[in-house]
PDB file of all heavy atoms in Angstrom:
ATOM      1  N   TYR A   1      77.991  75.270  86.184  1.00  0.00           N
ATOM      2  CA  TYR A   1      78.791  74.078  86.486  1.00  0.00           C
ATOM      3  C   TYR A   1      78.111  72.802  85.991  1.00  0.00           C
ATOM      4  O   TYR A   1      78.762  71.928  85.412  1.00  0.00           O
ATOM      5  CB  TYR A   1      79.036  74.004  87.991  1.00  0.00           C
ATOM      6  CG  TYR A   1      79.827  72.792  88.424  1.00  0.00           C
ATOM      7  CD1 TYR A   1      81.198  72.709  88.201  1.00  0.00           C
ATOM      8  CD2 TYR A   1      79.198  71.715  89.053  1.00  0.00           C
ATOM      9  CE1 TYR A   1      81.934  71.602  88.589  1.00  0.00           C
ATOM     10  CE2 TYR A   1      79.925  70.600  89.441  1.00  0.00           C
ATOM     11  CZ  TYR A   1      81.287  70.541  89.210  1.00  0.00           C
ATOM     12  OH  TYR A   1      82.013  69.429  89.589  1.00  0.00           O
ATOM     13  N   ARG A   2      76.798  72.701  86.223  1.00  0.00           N
ATOM     14  CA  ARG A   2      76.084  71.509  85.761  1.00  0.00           C
ATOM     15  C   ARG A   2      76.175  71.362  84.248  1.00  0.00           C
ATOM     16  O   ARG A   2      76.322  70.250  83.735  1.00  0.00           O
ATOM     17  CB  ARG A   2      74.617  71.580  86.186  1.00  0.00           C
ATOM     18  CG  ARG A   2      73.819  70.327  85.822  1.00  0.00           C
ATOM     19  CD  ARG A   2      72.400  70.423  86.332  1.00  0.00           C
ATOM     20  NE  ARG A   2      71.674  71.520  85.695  1.00  0.00           N
ATOM     21  CZ  ARG A   2      70.595  72.093  86.205  1.00  0.00           C
ATOM     22  NH1 ARG A   2      70.125  71.717  87.373  1.00  0.00           N
ATOM     23  NH2 ARG A   2      69.987  73.069  85.556  1.00  0.00           N
ATOM     24  N   ALA A   3      76.106  72.472  83.521  1.00  0.00           N
ATOM     25  CA  ALA A   3      76.225  72.422  82.068  1.00  0.00           C
ATOM     26  C   ALA A   3      77.596  71.898  81.647  1.00  0.00           C
ATOM     27  O   ALA A   3      77.719  71.145  80.668  1.00  0.00           O
ATOM     28  CB  ALA A   3      75.978  73.805  81.474  1.00  0.00           C
ATOM     29  N   ALA A   4      78.633  72.265  82.390  1.00  0.00           N
ATOM     30  CA  ALA A   4      79.981  71.783  82.085  1.00  0.00           C
ATOM     31  C   ALA A   4      80.093  70.287  82.347  1.00  0.00           C
ATOM     32  O   ALA A   4      80.700  69.539  81.559  1.00  0.00           O
ATOM     33  CB  ALA A   4      81.010  72.548  82.921  1.00  0.00           C
ATOM     34  N   VAL A   5      79.512  69.822  83.465  1.00  0.00           N
ATOM     35  CA  VAL A   5      79.522  68.383  83.759  1.00  0.00           C
ATOM     36  C   VAL A   5      78.747  67.623  82.698  1.00  0.00           C
ATOM     37  O   VAL A   5      79.174  66.562  82.218  1.00  0.00           O
ATOM     38  CB  VAL A   5      78.934  68.125  85.166  1.00  0.00           C
ATOM     39  CG1 VAL A   5      78.821  66.623  85.426  1.00  0.00           C
ATOM     40  CG2 VAL A   5      79.806  68.775  86.236  1.00  0.00           C
ATOM     41  N   LEU A   6      77.597  68.153  82.291  1.00  0.00           N
ATOM     42  CA  LEU A   6      76.820  67.520  81.219  1.00  0.00           C
ATOM     43  C   LEU A   6      77.592  67.525  79.906  1.00  0.00           C
ATOM     44  O   LEU A   6      77.453  66.602  79.099  1.00  0.00           O
ATOM     45  CB  LEU A   6      75.484  68.245  81.046  1.00  0.00           C
ATOM     46  CG  LEU A   6      74.418  67.969  82.107  1.00  0.00           C
ATOM     47  CD1 LEU A   6      73.243  68.911  81.946  1.00  0.00           C
ATOM     48  CD2 LEU A   6      73.951  66.518  82.041  1.00  0.00           C
ATOM     49  N   GLY A   7      78.420  68.544  79.691  1.00  0.00           N
ATOM     50  CA  GLY A   7      79.254  68.567  78.495  1.00  0.00           C
ATOM     51  C   GLY A   7      80.216  67.393  78.457  1.00  0.00           C
ATOM     52  O   GLY A   7      80.410  66.753  77.419  1.00  0.00           O
ATOM     53  N   ALA A   8      80.829  67.092  79.613  1.00  0.00           N
ATOM     54  CA  ALA A   8      81.716  65.926  79.698  1.00  0.00           C
ATOM     55  C   ALA A   8      80.942  64.646  79.422  1.00  0.00           C
ATOM     56  O   ALA A   8      81.412  63.751  78.715  1.00  0.00           O
ATOM     57  CB  ALA A   8      82.369  65.870  81.076  1.00  0.00           C
ATOM     58  N   GLY A   9      79.735  64.551  79.988  1.00  0.00           N
ATOM     59  CA  GLY A   9      78.912  63.374  79.760  1.00  0.00           C
ATOM     60  C   GLY A   9      78.453  63.259  78.327  1.00  0.00           C
ATOM     61  O   GLY A   9      78.447  62.166  77.747  1.00  0.00           O
ATOM     62  N   PHE A  10      78.075  64.382  77.720  1.00  0.00           N
ATOM     63  CA  PHE A  10      77.619  64.357  76.334  1.00  0.00           C
ATOM     64  C   PHE A  10      78.739  63.882  75.411  1.00  0.00           C
ATOM     65  O   PHE A  10      78.507  63.108  74.477  1.00  0.00           O
ATOM     66  CB  PHE A  10      77.131  65.743  75.911  1.00  0.00           C
ATOM     67  CG  PHE A  10      76.406  65.750  74.602  1.00  0.00           C
ATOM     68  CD1 PHE A  10      75.041  65.518  74.555  1.00  0.00           C
ATOM     69  CD2 PHE A  10      77.071  65.997  73.409  1.00  0.00           C
ATOM     70  CE1 PHE A  10      74.362  65.519  73.342  1.00  0.00           C
ATOM     71  CE2 PHE A  10      76.413  66.001  72.195  1.00  0.00           C
ATOM     72  CZ  PHE A  10      75.046  65.757  72.168  1.00  0.00           C
ATOM     73  N   GLY A  11      79.958  64.339  75.670  1.00  0.00           N
ATOM     74  CA  GLY A  11      81.086  63.850  74.885  1.00  0.00           C
ATOM     75  C   GLY A  11      81.252  62.353  75.013  1.00  0.00           C
ATOM     76  O   GLY A  11      81.671  61.677  74.070  1.00  0.00           O
ATOM     77  N   GLY A  12      80.894  61.812  76.193  1.00  0.00           N
ATOM     78  CA  GLY A  12      81.015  60.376  76.412  1.00  0.00           C
ATOM     79  C   GLY A  12      80.006  59.563  75.630  1.00  0.00           C
ATOM     80  O   GLY A  12      80.358  58.577  74.984  1.00  0.00           O
ATOM     81  N   PHE A  13      78.726  59.979  75.645  1.00  0.00           N
ATOM     82  CA  PHE A  13      77.748  59.137  74.956  1.00  0.00           C
ATOM     83  C   PHE A  13      77.555  59.522  73.491  1.00  0.00           C
ATOM     84  O   PHE A  13      77.112  58.699  72.687  1.00  0.00           O
ATOM     85  CB  PHE A  13      76.420  59.110  75.725  1.00  0.00           C
ATOM     86  CG  PHE A  13      75.386  60.105  75.288  1.00  0.00           C
ATOM     87  CD1 PHE A  13      74.519  59.817  74.243  1.00  0.00           C
ATOM     88  CD2 PHE A  13      75.230  61.312  75.950  1.00  0.00           C
ATOM     89  CE1 PHE A  13      73.545  60.725  73.864  1.00  0.00           C
ATOM     90  CE2 PHE A  13      74.257  62.220  75.581  1.00  0.00           C
ATOM     91  CZ  PHE A  13      73.413  61.924  74.524  1.00  0.00           C
ATOM     92  N   ALA A  14      77.929  60.751  73.095  1.00  0.00           N
ATOM     93  CA  ALA A  14      77.803  61.137  71.696  1.00  0.00           C
ATOM     94  C   ALA A  14      78.746  60.342  70.809  1.00  0.00           C
ATOM     95  O   ALA A  14      78.454  60.080  69.637  1.00  0.00           O
ATOM     96  CB  ALA A  14      78.075  62.634  71.533  1.00  0.00           C
ATOM     97  N   LEU A  15      79.891  59.949  71.357  1.00  0.00           N
ATOM     98  CA  LEU A  15      80.857  59.157  70.595  1.00  0.00           C
ATOM     99  C   LEU A  15      81.015  57.741  71.135  1.00  0.00           C
ATOM    100  O   LEU A  15      81.654  56.910  70.484  1.00  0.00           O
ATOM    101  CB  LEU A  15      82.226  59.846  70.601  1.00  0.00           C
ATOM    102  CG  LEU A  15      82.291  61.231  69.951  1.00  0.00           C
ATOM    103  CD1 LEU A  15      83.680  61.829  70.114  1.00  0.00           C
ATOM    104  CD2 LEU A  15      81.917  61.162  68.477  1.00  0.00           C
ATOM    105  N   GLY A  16      80.480  57.484  72.312  1.00  0.00           N
ATOM    106  CA  GLY A  16      80.713  56.179  72.922  1.00  0.00           C
ATOM    107  C   GLY A  16      79.459  55.527  73.429  1.00  0.00           C
ATOM    108  O   GLY A  16      78.677  54.965  72.666  1.00  0.00           O
ATOM    109  N   ALA A  17      79.224  55.607  74.745  1.00  0.00           N
ATOM    110  CA  ALA A  17      78.088  54.916  75.348  1.00  0.00           C
ATOM    111  C   ALA A  17      77.773  55.572  76.678  1.00  0.00           C
ATOM    112  O   ALA A  17      78.573  56.344  77.216  1.00  0.00           O
ATOM    113  CB  ALA A  17      78.417  53.428  75.557  1.00  0.00           C
ATOM    114  N   THR A  18      76.602  55.246  77.222  1.00  0.00           N
ATOM    115  CA  THR A  18      76.180  55.832  78.493  1.00  0.00           C
ATOM    116  C   THR A  18      77.196  55.579  79.619  1.00  0.00           C
ATOM    117  O   THR A  18      77.496  56.505  80.389  1.00  0.00           O
ATOM    118  CB  THR A  18      74.792  55.305  78.891  1.00  0.00           C
ATOM    119  OG1 THR A  18      73.862  55.622  77.849  1.00  0.00           O
ATOM    120  CG2 THR A  18      74.314  55.932  80.186  1.00  0.00           C
ATOM    121  N   PRO A  19      77.736  54.373  79.786  1.00  0.00           N
ATOM    122  CA  PRO A  19      78.732  54.180  80.852  1.00  0.00           C
ATOM    123  C   PRO A  19      79.948  55.090  80.706  1.00  0.00           C
ATOM    124  O   PRO A  19      80.485  55.582  81.703  1.00  0.00           O
ATOM    125  CB  PRO A  19      79.124  52.704  80.709  1.00  0.00           C
ATOM    126  CG  PRO A  19      77.953  52.062  80.048  1.00  0.00           C
ATOM    127  CD  PRO A  19      77.423  53.096  79.110  1.00  0.00           C
ATOM    128  N   THR A  20      80.382  55.318  79.463  1.00  0.00           N
ATOM    129  CA  THR A  20      81.504  56.225  79.250  1.00  0.00           C
ATOM    130  C   THR A  20      81.137  57.641  79.657  1.00  0.00           C
ATOM    131  O   THR A  20      81.941  58.368  80.253  1.00  0.00           O
ATOM    132  CB  THR A  20      81.922  56.216  77.766  1.00  0.00           C
ATOM    133  OG1 THR A  20      81.975  54.875  77.294  1.00  0.00           O
ATOM    134  CG2 THR A  20      83.272  56.873  77.573  1.00  0.00           C
ATOM    135  N   ALA A  21      79.905  58.035  79.337  1.00  0.00           N
ATOM    136  CA  ALA A  21      79.433  59.367  79.716  1.00  0.00           C
ATOM    137  C   ALA A  21      79.460  59.544  81.228  1.00  0.00           C
ATOM    138  O   ALA A  21      79.930  60.563  81.741  1.00  0.00           O
ATOM    139  CB  ALA A  21      78.022  59.579  79.182  1.00  0.00           C
ATOM    140  N   ILE A  22      78.951  58.547  81.949  1.00  0.00           N
ATOM    141  CA  ILE A  22      78.900  58.643  83.411  1.00  0.00           C
ATOM    142  C   ILE A  22      80.306  58.615  83.994  1.00  0.00           C
ATOM    143  O   ILE A  22      80.602  59.317  84.975  1.00  0.00           O
ATOM    144  CB  ILE A  22      78.049  57.508  83.998  1.00  0.00           C
ATOM    145  CG1 ILE A  22      76.625  57.548  83.420  1.00  0.00           C
ATOM    146  CG2 ILE A  22      77.989  57.615  85.510  1.00  0.00           C
ATOM    147  CD1 ILE A  22      75.860  58.801  83.745  1.00  0.00           C
ATOM    148  N   ALA A  23      81.189  57.819  83.400  1.00  0.00           N
ATOM    149  CA  ALA A  23      82.577  57.783  83.879  1.00  0.00           C
ATOM    150  C   ALA A  23      83.243  59.141  83.696  1.00  0.00           C
ATOM    151  O   ALA A  23      83.983  59.606  84.573  1.00  0.00           O
ATOM    152  CB  ALA A  23      83.358  56.706  83.136  1.00  0.00           C
ATOM    153  N   ASN A  24      82.988  59.790  82.558  1.00  0.00           N
ATOM    154  CA  ASN A  24      83.529  61.132  82.337  1.00  0.00           C
ATOM    155  C   ASN A  24      83.026  62.101  83.402  1.00  0.00           C
ATOM    156  O   ASN A  24      83.801  62.873  83.979  1.00  0.00           O
ATOM    157  CB  ASN A  24      83.120  61.643  80.953  1.00  0.00           C
ATOM    158  CG  ASN A  24      83.907  60.997  79.826  1.00  0.00           C
ATOM    159  OD1 ASN A  24      84.877  60.277  80.060  1.00  0.00           O
ATOM    160  ND2 ASN A  24      83.494  61.243  78.602  1.00  0.00           N
ATOM    161  N   MET A  25      81.718  62.080  83.657  1.00  0.00           N
ATOM    162  CA  MET A  25      81.142  62.996  84.648  1.00  0.00           C
ATOM    163  C   MET A  25      81.653  62.680  86.047  1.00  0.00           C
ATOM    164  O   MET A  25      81.899  63.585  86.852  1.00  0.00           O
ATOM    165  CB  MET A  25      79.616  62.922  84.603  1.00  0.00           C
ATOM    166  CG  MET A  25      79.017  63.421  83.306  1.00  0.00           C
ATOM    167  SD  MET A  25      77.250  63.824  83.427  1.00  0.00           S
ATOM    168  CE  MET A  25      76.568  62.276  83.955  1.00  0.00           C
ATOM    169  N   SER A  26      81.813  61.393  86.338  1.00  0.00           N
ATOM    170  CA  SER A  26      82.321  61.003  87.647  1.00  0.00           C
ATOM    171  C   SER A  26      83.737  61.518  87.868  1.00  0.00           C
ATOM    172  O   SER A  26      84.074  62.033  88.942  1.00  0.00           O
ATOM    173  CB  SER A  26      82.289  59.467  87.773  1.00  0.00           C
ATOM    174  OG  SER A  26      82.863  59.053  88.993  1.00  0.00           O
ATOM    175  N   ALA A  27      84.590  61.403  86.844  1.00  0.00           N
ATOM    176  CA  ALA A  27      85.963  61.901  86.963  1.00  0.00           C
ATOM    177  C   ALA A  27      85.971  63.412  87.190  1.00  0.00           C
ATOM    178  O   ALA A  27      86.773  63.927  87.975  1.00  0.00           O
ATOM    179  CB  ALA A  27      86.753  61.548  85.704  1.00  0.00           C
ATOM    180  N   VAL A  28      85.056  64.114  86.510  1.00  0.00           N
ATOM    181  CA  VAL A  28      84.982  65.572  86.666  1.00  0.00           C
ATOM    182  C   VAL A  28      84.528  65.949  88.074  1.00  0.00           C
ATOM    183  O   VAL A  28      85.111  66.807  88.730  1.00  0.00           O
ATOM    184  CB  VAL A  28      84.025  66.177  85.612  1.00  0.00           C
ATOM    185  CG1 VAL A  28      83.774  67.657  85.901  1.00  0.00           C
ATOM    186  CG2 VAL A  28      84.610  66.010  84.216  1.00  0.00           C
ATOM    187  N   THR A  29      83.469  65.295  88.556  1.00  0.00           N
ATOM    188  CA  THR A  29      82.923  65.661  89.872  1.00  0.00           C
ATOM    189  C   THR A  29      83.851  65.248  91.015  1.00  0.00           C
ATOM    190  O   THR A  29      83.840  65.879  92.072  1.00  0.00           O
ATOM    191  CB  THR A  29      81.531  65.044  90.075  1.00  0.00           C
ATOM    192  OG1 THR A  29      81.589  63.618  89.904  1.00  0.00           O
ATOM    193  CG2 THR A  29      80.540  65.627  89.088  1.00  0.00           C
ATOM    194  N   LYS A  30      84.643  64.200  90.822  1.00  0.00           N
ATOM    195  CA  LYS A  30      85.640  63.862  91.834  1.00  0.00           C
ATOM    196  C   LYS A  30      86.659  64.983  91.988  1.00  0.00           C
ATOM    197  O   LYS A  30      87.185  65.214  93.075  1.00  0.00           O
ATOM    198  CB  LYS A  30      86.376  62.574  91.439  1.00  0.00           C
ATOM    199  CG  LYS A  30      85.582  61.296  91.619  1.00  0.00           C
ATOM    200  CD  LYS A  30      86.426  60.108  91.167  1.00  0.00           C
ATOM    201  CE  LYS A  30      85.660  58.803  91.218  1.00  0.00           C
ATOM    202  NZ  LYS A  30      86.485  57.667  90.755  1.00  0.00           N
ATOM    203  N   ASN A  31      86.913  65.662  90.896  1.00  0.00           N
ATOM    204  CA  ASN A  31      87.932  66.700  90.886  1.00  0.00           C
ATOM    205  C   ASN A  31      87.394  68.057  91.325  1.00  0.00           C
ATOM    206  O   ASN A  31      88.052  68.778  92.080  1.00  0.00           O
ATOM    207  CB  ASN A  31      88.519  66.825  89.473  1.00  0.00           C
ATOM    208  CG  ASN A  31      89.976  67.236  89.476  1.00  0.00           C
ATOM    209  OD1 ASN A  31      90.581  67.395  90.524  1.00  0.00           O
ATOM    210  ND2 ASN A  31      90.528  67.418  88.301  1.00  0.00           N
ATOM    211  N   TYR A  32      86.169  68.392  90.874  1.00  0.00           N
ATOM    212  CA  TYR A  32      85.660  69.747  91.081  1.00  0.00           C
ATOM    213  C   TYR A  32      84.464  69.844  92.022  1.00  0.00           C
ATOM    214  O   TYR A  32      84.158  70.929  92.506  1.00  0.00           O
ATOM    215  CB  TYR A  32      85.270  70.362  89.738  1.00  0.00           C
ATOM    216  CG  TYR A  32      86.423  70.521  88.778  1.00  0.00           C
ATOM    217  CD1 TYR A  32      86.560  69.660  87.691  1.00  0.00           C
ATOM    218  CD2 TYR A  32      87.376  71.525  88.948  1.00  0.00           C
ATOM    219  CE1 TYR A  32      87.611  69.802  86.799  1.00  0.00           C
ATOM    220  CE2 TYR A  32      88.430  71.670  88.063  1.00  0.00           C
ATOM    221  CZ  TYR A  32      88.544  70.798  86.980  1.00  0.00           C
ATOM    222  OH  TYR A  32      89.592  70.934  86.114  1.00  0.00           O
ATOM    223  N   GLY A  33      83.769  68.737  92.251  1.00  0.00           N
ATOM    224  CA  GLY A  33      82.607  68.795  93.129  1.00  0.00           C
ATOM    225  C   GLY A  33      81.375  68.174  92.482  1.00  0.00           C
ATOM    226  O   GLY A  33      81.317  67.990  91.265  1.00  0.00           O
ATOM    227  N   PRO A  34      80.355  67.834  93.289  1.00  0.00           N
ATOM    228  CA  PRO A  34      79.210  67.055  92.805  1.00  0.00           C
ATOM    229  C   PRO A  34      78.232  67.855  91.945  1.00  0.00           C
ATOM    230  O   PRO A  34      78.186  69.082  91.992  1.00  0.00           O
ATOM    231  CB  PRO A  34      78.540  66.603  94.103  1.00  0.00           C
ATOM    232  CG  PRO A  34      78.936  67.625  95.121  1.00  0.00           C
ATOM    233  CD  PRO A  34      80.312  68.076  94.731  1.00  0.00           C
ATOM    234  N   SER A  35      77.442  67.103  91.181  1.00  0.00           N
ATOM    235  CA  SER A  35      76.356  67.675  90.377  1.00  0.00           C
ATOM    236  C   SER A  35      75.295  66.592  90.211  1.00  0.00           C
ATOM    237  O   SER A  35      75.175  65.978  89.141  1.00  0.00           O
ATOM    238  CB  SER A  35      76.870  68.143  89.016  1.00  0.00           C
ATOM    239  OG  SER A  35      75.839  68.752  88.271  1.00  0.00           O
ATOM    240  N   PRO A  36      74.508  66.328  91.258  1.00  0.00           N
ATOM    241  CA  PRO A  36      73.578  65.191  91.254  1.00  0.00           C
ATOM    242  C   PRO A  36      72.560  65.199  90.122  1.00  0.00           C
ATOM    243  O   PRO A  36      72.245  64.148  89.559  1.00  0.00           O
ATOM    244  CB  PRO A  36      72.882  65.304  92.615  1.00  0.00           C
ATOM    245  CG  PRO A  36      73.824  66.080  93.472  1.00  0.00           C
ATOM    246  CD  PRO A  36      74.499  67.041  92.553  1.00  0.00           C
ATOM    247  N   VAL A  37      72.025  66.367  89.766  1.00  0.00           N
ATOM    248  CA  VAL A  37      70.989  66.421  88.729  1.00  0.00           C
ATOM    249  C   VAL A  37      71.538  65.939  87.390  1.00  0.00           C
ATOM    250  O   VAL A  37      70.839  65.274  86.621  1.00  0.00           O
ATOM    251  CB  VAL A  37      70.424  67.852  88.612  1.00  0.00           C
ATOM    252  CG1 VAL A  37      69.424  67.944  87.454  1.00  0.00           C
ATOM    253  CG2 VAL A  37      69.741  68.267  89.914  1.00  0.00           C
ATOM    254  N   ALA A  38      72.787  66.233  87.109  1.00  0.00           N
ATOM    255  CA  ALA A  38      73.401  65.792  85.854  1.00  0.00           C
ATOM    256  C   ALA A  38      73.395  64.267  85.750  1.00  0.00           C
ATOM    257  O   ALA A  38      73.178  63.705  84.669  1.00  0.00           O
ATOM    258  CB  ALA A  38      74.832  66.319  85.754  1.00  0.00           C
ATOM    259  N   PHE A  39      73.597  63.590  86.888  1.00  0.00           N
ATOM    260  CA  PHE A  39      73.641  62.134  86.881  1.00  0.00           C
ATOM    261  C   PHE A  39      72.247  61.517  86.733  1.00  0.00           C
ATOM    262  O   PHE A  39      72.127  60.321  86.506  1.00  0.00           O
ATOM    263  CB  PHE A  39      74.306  61.615  88.161  1.00  0.00           C
ATOM    264  CG  PHE A  39      75.801  61.733  88.145  1.00  0.00           C
ATOM    265  CD1 PHE A  39      76.422  62.895  88.590  1.00  0.00           C
ATOM    266  CD2 PHE A  39      76.594  60.706  87.678  1.00  0.00           C
ATOM    267  CE1 PHE A  39      77.800  63.018  88.575  1.00  0.00           C
ATOM    268  CE2 PHE A  39      77.970  60.813  87.660  1.00  0.00           C
ATOM    269  CZ  PHE A  39      78.576  61.975  88.110  1.00  0.00           C
ATOM    270  N   VAL A  40      71.214  62.323  86.892  1.00  0.00           N
ATOM    271  CA  VAL A  40      69.847  61.830  86.705  1.00  0.00           C
ATOM    272  C   VAL A  40      69.394  62.024  85.270  1.00  0.00           C
ATOM    273  O   VAL A  40      68.882  61.103  84.624  1.00  0.00           O
ATOM    274  CB  VAL A  40      68.875  62.529  87.672  1.00  0.00           C
ATOM    275  CG1 VAL A  40      67.436  62.090  87.389  1.00  0.00           C
ATOM    276  CG2 VAL A  40      69.235  62.215  89.115  1.00  0.00           C
ATOM    277  N   ILE A  41      69.583  63.242  84.735  1.00  0.00           N
ATOM    278  CA  ILE A  41      68.978  63.544  83.441  1.00  0.00           C
ATOM    279  C   ILE A  41      69.747  62.943  82.273  1.00  0.00           C
ATOM    280  O   ILE A  41      69.136  62.530  81.279  1.00  0.00           O
ATOM    281  CB  ILE A  41      68.810  65.064  83.245  1.00  0.00           C
ATOM    282  CG1 ILE A  41      70.149  65.783  83.190  1.00  0.00           C
ATOM    283  CG2 ILE A  41      67.935  65.654  84.328  1.00  0.00           C
ATOM    284  CD1 ILE A  41      70.010  67.274  82.877  1.00  0.00           C
ATOM    285  N   LEU A  42      71.076  62.875  82.370  1.00  0.00           N
ATOM    286  CA  LEU A  42      71.810  62.354  81.208  1.00  0.00           C
ATOM    287  C   LEU A  42      71.497  60.878  80.922  1.00  0.00           C
ATOM    288  O   LEU A  42      71.262  60.525  79.769  1.00  0.00           O
ATOM    289  CB  LEU A  42      73.313  62.572  81.365  1.00  0.00           C
ATOM    290  CG  LEU A  42      74.076  62.209  80.084  1.00  0.00           C
ATOM    291  CD1 LEU A  42      75.076  63.287  79.720  1.00  0.00           C
ATOM    292  CD2 LEU A  42      74.792  60.882  80.222  1.00  0.00           C
ATOM    293  N   PRO A  43      71.481  59.987  81.936  1.00  0.00           N
ATOM    294  CA  PRO A  43      71.128  58.590  81.619  1.00  0.00           C
ATOM    295  C   PRO A  43      69.714  58.434  81.050  1.00  0.00           C
ATOM    296  O   PRO A  43      69.479  57.577  80.209  1.00  0.00           O
ATOM    297  CB  PRO A  43      71.249  57.885  82.978  1.00  0.00           C
ATOM    298  CG  PRO A  43      72.165  58.726  83.771  1.00  0.00           C
ATOM    299  CD  PRO A  43      71.884  60.130  83.342  1.00  0.00           C
ATOM    300  N   LEU A  44      68.772  59.274  81.509  1.00  0.00           N
ATOM    301  CA  LEU A  44      67.416  59.177  80.977  1.00  0.00           C
ATOM    302  C   LEU A  44      67.387  59.519  79.490  1.00  0.00           C
ATOM    303  O   LEU A  44      66.653  58.913  78.709  1.00  0.00           O
ATOM    304  CB  LEU A  44      66.473  60.103  81.751  1.00  0.00           C
ATOM    305  CG  LEU A  44      66.157  59.668  83.186  1.00  0.00           C
ATOM    306  CD1 LEU A  44      65.302  60.709  83.880  1.00  0.00           C
ATOM    307  CD2 LEU A  44      65.465  58.310  83.205  1.00  0.00           C
TER     308      LEU A  44
END
Protein backbone atom coordinates (compact mmCIF):
# COMPACT_ATOMS: atom_id res chain seq x y z
CA TYR A 1 0.00 0.00 0.00
CA ARG A 2 2.78 2.45 0.87
CA ALA A 3 4.38 1.81 -2.53
CA ALA A 4 1.08 2.67 -4.21
CA VAL A 5 0.76 5.91 -2.22
CA LEU A 6 4.36 6.78 -3.10
CA GLY A 7 3.48 6.08 -6.73
CA ALA A 8 0.79 8.78 -6.59
CA GLY A 9 3.28 11.14 -4.99
CA PHE A 10 6.02 10.33 -7.48
CA GLY A 11 3.66 11.15 -10.33
CA GLY A 12 3.07 14.49 -8.64
CA PHE A 13 6.66 15.63 -8.28
CA ALA A 14 8.11 13.88 -11.35
CA LEU A 15 5.98 16.11 -13.57
CA GLY A 16 5.07 18.90 -11.18
CA ALA A 17 6.26 19.83 -7.70
CA THR A 18 6.44 18.58 -4.13
CA PRO A 19 3.11 20.21 -3.10
CA THR A 20 1.38 18.45 -6.00
CA ALA A 21 2.92 15.17 -4.90
CA ILE A 22 1.66 15.59 -1.34
CA ALA A 23 -1.78 16.64 -2.58
CA ASN A 24 -1.96 13.47 -4.68
CA MET A 25 -0.98 11.31 -1.70
CA SER A 26 -3.40 13.15 0.56
CA ALA A 27 -6.30 12.53 -1.83
CA VAL A 28 -5.37 8.83 -1.97
CA THR A 29 -5.07 8.39 1.81
CA LYS A 30 -8.36 10.21 2.42
CA ASN A 31 -9.99 7.59 0.25
CA TYR A 32 -8.14 4.40 1.21
CA GLY A 33 -6.39 5.02 4.53
CA PRO A 34 -3.21 6.57 6.00
CA SER A 35 0.44 5.95 5.15
CA PRO A 36 2.52 8.19 7.44
CA VAL A 37 5.97 6.99 6.33
CA ALA A 38 5.21 7.97 2.73
CA PHE A 39 4.59 11.55 3.85
CA VAL A 40 8.02 11.64 5.50
CA ILE A 41 10.30 10.11 2.89
CA LEU A 42 8.88 11.62 -0.29
CA PRO A 43 9.36 15.30 0.73
CA LEU A 44 12.92 14.54 1.85
